[in-house]
């Protein structure tokens, strides 16, 4: 990477995300809410 390419800007991030999305390189993720985390914690105690 060139030194100037390392500077973080919202515009550059948006362009990169658009390119990755167009290429199908992004993966969907799911963030657990507090209730799901509590269920996971409960399950860990019994293992």
PDB file of N, CA and C in Angstrom:
ATOM      1  N   UNK A   1       0.827  -1.194   0.000  1.00  0.00           N
ATOM      2  CA  UNK A   1       0.000   0.000   0.000  1.00  0.00           C
ATOM      3  C   UNK A   1       0.868   1.253   0.000  1.00  0.00           C
ATOM      4  N   UNK A   2       0.391   2.234  -0.706  1.00  0.00           N
ATOM      5  CA  UNK A   2       1.089   3.503  -0.694  1.00  0.00           C
ATOM      6  C   UNK A   2       0.810   4.197   0.632  1.00  0.00           C
ATOM      7  N   UNK A   3       1.705   5.061   1.051  1.00  0.00           N
ATOM      8  CA  UNK A   3       1.554   5.753   2.329  1.00  0.00           C
ATOM      9  C   UNK A   3       0.243   6.538   2.385  1.00  0.00           C
ATOM     10  N   UNK A   4      -0.149   7.186   1.313  1.00  0.00           N
ATOM     11  CA  UNK A   4      -1.387   7.960   1.297  1.00  0.00           C
ATOM     12  C   UNK A   4      -2.631   7.104   1.379  1.00  0.00           C
ATOM     13  N   UNK A   5      -2.535   5.836   1.005  1.00  0.00           N
ATOM     14  CA  UNK A   5      -3.691   4.946   1.024  1.00  0.00           C
ATOM     15  C   UNK A   5      -4.024   4.492   2.442  1.00  0.00           C
ATOM     16  N   UNK A   6      -3.115   4.689   3.384  1.00  0.00           N
ATOM     17  CA  UNK A   6      -3.351   4.242   4.752  1.00  0.00           C
ATOM     18  C   UNK A   6      -4.205   5.221   5.549  1.00  0.00           C
ATOM     19  N   UNK A   7      -4.381   6.436   5.043  1.00  0.00           N
ATOM     20  CA  UNK A   7      -5.165   7.443   5.742  1.00  0.00           C
ATOM     21  C   UNK A   7      -6.619   7.009   5.737  1.00  0.00           C
ATOM     22  N   UNK A   8      -7.229   6.977   6.916  1.00  0.00           N
ATOM     23  CA  UNK A   8      -8.617   6.539   7.022  1.00  0.00           C
ATOM     24  C   UNK A   8      -9.561   7.715   6.790  1.00  0.00           C
ATOM     25  N   UNK A   9     -10.440   7.575   5.829  1.00  0.00           N
ATOM     26  CA  UNK A   9     -11.473   8.565   5.602  1.00  0.00           C
ATOM     27  C   UNK A   9     -12.773   7.831   5.319  1.00  0.00           C
ATOM     28  N   UNK A  10     -13.871   8.450   5.639  1.00  0.00           N
ATOM     29  CA  UNK A  10     -15.166   7.829   5.398  1.00  0.00           C
ATOM     30  C   UNK A  10     -15.393   7.585   3.908  1.00  0.00           C
ATOM     31  N   UNK A  11     -14.958   8.529   3.083  1.00  0.00           N
ATOM     32  CA  UNK A  11     -15.158   8.378   1.645  1.00  0.00           C
ATOM     33  C   UNK A  11     -14.390   7.171   1.112  1.00  0.00           C
ATOM     34  N   UNK A  12     -13.133   7.026   1.499  1.00  0.00           N
ATOM     35  CA  UNK A  12     -12.348   5.878   1.037  1.00  0.00           C
ATOM     36  C   UNK A  12     -12.927   4.574   1.551  1.00  0.00           C
ATOM     37  N   UNK A  13     -13.367   4.573   2.799  1.00  0.00           N
ATOM     38  CA  UNK A  13     -13.989   3.364   3.351  1.00  0.00           C
ATOM     39  C   UNK A  13     -15.250   3.004   2.577  1.00  0.00           C
ATOM     40  N   UNK A  14     -16.056   4.004   2.240  1.00  0.00           N
ATOM     41  CA  UNK A  14     -17.301   3.758   1.502  1.00  0.00           C
ATOM     42  C   UNK A  14     -17.020   3.201   0.114  1.00  0.00           C
ATOM     43  N   UNK A  15     -16.016   3.747  -0.551  1.00  0.00           N
ATOM     44  CA  UNK A  15     -15.648   3.257  -1.883  1.00  0.00           C
ATOM     45  C   UNK A  15     -15.168   1.815  -1.800  1.00  0.00           C
ATOM     46  N   UNK A  16     -14.330   1.523  -0.809  1.00  0.00           N
ATOM     47  CA  UNK A  16     -13.824   0.159  -0.660  1.00  0.00           C
ATOM     48  C   UNK A  16     -14.952  -0.818  -0.342  1.00  0.00           C
ATOM     49  N   UNK A  17     -15.866  -0.429   0.544  1.00  0.00           N
ATOM     50  CA  UNK A  17     -17.000  -1.305   0.861  1.00  0.00           C
ATOM     51  C   UNK A  17     -17.875  -1.534  -0.364  1.00  0.00           C
ATOM     52  N   UNK A  18     -18.078  -0.509  -1.175  1.00  0.00           N
ATOM     53  CA  UNK A  18     -18.874  -0.657  -2.393  1.00  0.00           C
ATOM     54  C   UNK A  18     -18.207  -1.628  -3.360  1.00  0.00           C
ATOM     55  N   UNK A  19     -16.893  -1.524  -3.505  1.00  0.00           N
ATOM     56  CA  UNK A  19     -16.163  -2.448  -4.384  1.00  0.00           C
ATOM     57  C   UNK A  19     -16.259  -3.875  -3.866  1.00  0.00           C
ATOM     58  N   UNK A  20     -16.064  -4.060  -2.563  1.00  0.00           N
ATOM     59  CA  UNK A  20     -16.150  -5.404  -1.982  1.00  0.00           C
ATOM     60  C   UNK A  20     -17.553  -5.977  -2.112  1.00  0.00           C
ATOM     61  N   UNK A  21     -18.560  -5.141  -1.908  1.00  0.00           N
ATOM     62  CA  UNK A  21     -19.948  -5.602  -2.040  1.00  0.00           C
ATOM     63  C   UNK A  21     -20.233  -6.026  -3.481  1.00  0.00           C
ATOM     64  N   UNK A  22     -19.789  -5.222  -4.431  1.00  0.00           N
ATOM     65  CA  UNK A  22     -19.993  -5.543  -5.835  1.00  0.00           C
ATOM     66  C   UNK A  22     -19.310  -6.832  -6.240  1.00  0.00           C
ATOM     67  N   UNK A  23     -18.182  -7.119  -5.622  1.00  0.00           N
ATOM     68  CA  UNK A  23     -17.441  -8.337  -5.942  1.00  0.00           C
ATOM     69  C   UNK A  23     -17.943  -9.546  -5.152  1.00  0.00           C
ATOM     70  N   UNK A  24     -18.893  -9.333  -4.240  1.00  0.00           N
ATOM     71  CA  UNK A  24     -19.413 -10.444  -3.446  1.00  0.00           C
ATOM     72  C   UNK A  24     -18.456 -10.918  -2.376  1.00  0.00           C
ATOM     73  N   UNK A  25     -17.571 -10.043  -1.937  1.00  0.00           N
ATOM     74  CA  UNK A  25     -16.547 -10.412  -0.962  1.00  0.00           C
ATOM     75  C   UNK A  25     -16.953 -10.176   0.489  1.00  0.00           C
ATOM     76  N   UNK A  26     -18.112  -9.595   0.723  1.00  0.00           N
ATOM     77  CA  UNK A  26     -18.538  -9.315   2.094  1.00  0.00           C
ATOM     78  C   UNK A  26     -19.371 -10.469   2.632  1.00  0.00           C
ATOM     79  N   UNK A  27     -19.247 -10.722   3.915  1.00  0.00           N
ATOM     80  CA  UNK A  27     -19.988 -11.780   4.579  1.00  0.00           C
ATOM     81  C   UNK A  27     -20.911 -11.160   5.617  1.00  0.00           C
ATOM     82  N   UNK A  28     -22.153 -11.580   5.620  1.00  0.00           N
ATOM     83  CA  UNK A  28     -23.110 -11.073   6.603  1.00  0.00           C
ATOM     84  C   UNK A  28     -22.773 -11.628   7.982  1.00  0.00           C
ATOM     85  N   UNK A  29     -22.938 -10.816   9.000  1.00  0.00           N
ATOM     86  CA  UNK A  29     -22.710 -11.250  10.376  1.00  0.00           C
ATOM     87  C   UNK A  29     -23.929 -10.920  11.213  1.00  0.00           C
ATOM     88  N   UNK A  30     -24.069 -11.613  12.322  1.00  0.00           N
ATOM     89  CA  UNK A  30     -25.168 -11.376  13.241  1.00  0.00           C
ATOM     90  C   UNK A  30     -24.576 -11.098  14.611  1.00  0.00           C
ATOM     91  N   UNK A  31     -24.998 -10.011  15.215  1.00  0.00           N
ATOM     92  CA  UNK A  31     -24.511  -9.631  16.535  1.00  0.00           C
ATOM     93  C   UNK A  31     -25.573 -10.028  17.556  1.00  0.00           C
ATOM     94  N   UNK A  32     -25.185 -10.859  18.494  1.00  0.00           N
ATOM     95  CA  UNK A  32     -26.124 -11.348  19.503  1.00  0.00           C
ATOM     96  C   UNK A  32     -26.541 -10.224  20.443  1.00  0.00           C
ATOM     97  N   UNK A  33     -27.815 -10.230  20.817  1.00  0.00           N
ATOM     98  CA  UNK A  33     -28.296  -9.248  21.787  1.00  0.00           C
ATOM     99  C   UNK A  33     -28.072  -9.798  23.201  1.00  0.00           C
ATOM    100  N   UNK A  34     -28.452  -9.038  24.196  1.00  0.00           N
ATOM    101  CA  UNK A  34     -28.202  -9.422  25.587  1.00  0.00           C
ATOM    102  C   UNK A  34     -28.881 -10.741  25.950  1.00  0.00           C
ATOM    103  N   UNK A  35     -30.082 -10.972  25.446  1.00  0.00           N
ATOM    104  CA  UNK A  35     -30.805 -12.206  25.766  1.00  0.00           C
ATOM    105  C   UNK A  35     -30.076 -13.431  25.208  1.00  0.00           C
ATOM    106  N   UNK A  36     -29.597 -13.340  23.983  1.00  0.00           N
ATOM    107  CA  UNK A  36     -28.875 -14.466  23.396  1.00  0.00           C
ATOM    108  C   UNK A  36     -27.542 -14.699  24.096  1.00  0.00           C
ATOM    109  N   UNK A  37     -26.872 -13.632  24.481  1.00  0.00           N
ATOM    110  CA  UNK A  37     -25.614 -13.783  25.217  1.00  0.00           C
ATOM    111  C   UNK A  37     -25.853 -14.457  26.564  1.00  0.00           C
ATOM    112  N   UNK A  38     -26.962 -14.121  27.222  1.00  0.00           N
ATOM    113  CA  UNK A  38     -27.286 -14.753  28.501  1.00  0.00           C
ATOM    114  C   UNK A  38     -27.510 -16.250  28.312  1.00  0.00           C
ATOM    115  N   UNK A  39     -28.191 -16.629  27.223  1.00  0.00           N
ATOM    116  CA  UNK A  39     -28.413 -18.051  26.940  1.00  0.00           C
ATOM    117  C   UNK A  39     -27.081 -18.761  26.683  1.00  0.00           C
ATOM    118  N   UNK A  40     -26.179 -18.122  25.955  1.00  0.00           N
ATOM    119  CA  UNK A  40     -24.862 -18.708  25.699  1.00  0.00           C
ATOM    120  C   UNK A  40     -24.085 -18.884  26.990  1.00  0.00           C
ATOM    121  N   UNK A  41     -24.135 -17.880  27.862  1.00  0.00           N
ATOM    122  CA  UNK A  41     -23.438 -17.972  29.142  1.00  0.00           C
ATOM    123  C   UNK A  41     -23.974 -19.109  29.980  1.00  0.00           C
ATOM    124  N   UNK A  42     -25.303 -19.276  29.963  1.00  0.00           N
ATOM    125  CA  UNK A  42     -25.923 -20.367  30.717  1.00  0.00           C
ATOM    126  C   UNK A  42     -25.444 -21.715  30.172  1.00  0.00           C
ATOM    127  N   UNK A  43     -25.404 -21.838  28.864  1.00  0.00           N
ATOM    128  CA  UNK A  43     -24.956 -23.081  28.240  1.00  0.00           C
ATOM    129  C   UNK A  43     -23.500 -23.396  28.570  1.00  0.00           C
ATOM    130  N   UNK A  44     -22.668 -22.393  28.665  1.00  0.00           N
ATOM    131  CA  UNK A  44     -21.247 -22.612  28.974  1.00  0.00           C
ATOM    132  C   UNK A  44     -21.044 -23.165  30.372  1.00  0.00           C
ATOM    133  N   UNK A  45     -21.916 -22.825  31.279  1.00  0.00           N
ATOM    134  CA  UNK A  45     -21.766 -23.282  32.657  1.00  0.00           C
ATOM    135  C   UNK A  45     -21.959 -24.781  32.808  1.00  0.00           C
ATOM    136  N   UNK A  46     -22.718 -25.375  31.888  1.00  0.00           N
ATOM    137  CA  UNK A  46     -23.033 -26.794  31.992  1.00  0.00           C
ATOM    138  C   UNK A  46     -22.082 -27.667  31.178  1.00  0.00           C
ATOM    139  N   UNK A  47     -21.152 -27.050  30.502  1.00  0.00           N
ATOM    140  CA  UNK A  47     -20.223 -27.835  29.676  1.00  0.00           C
ATOM    141  C   UNK A  47     -18.972 -28.129  30.448  1.00  0.00           C
TER     142      UNK A  47
END
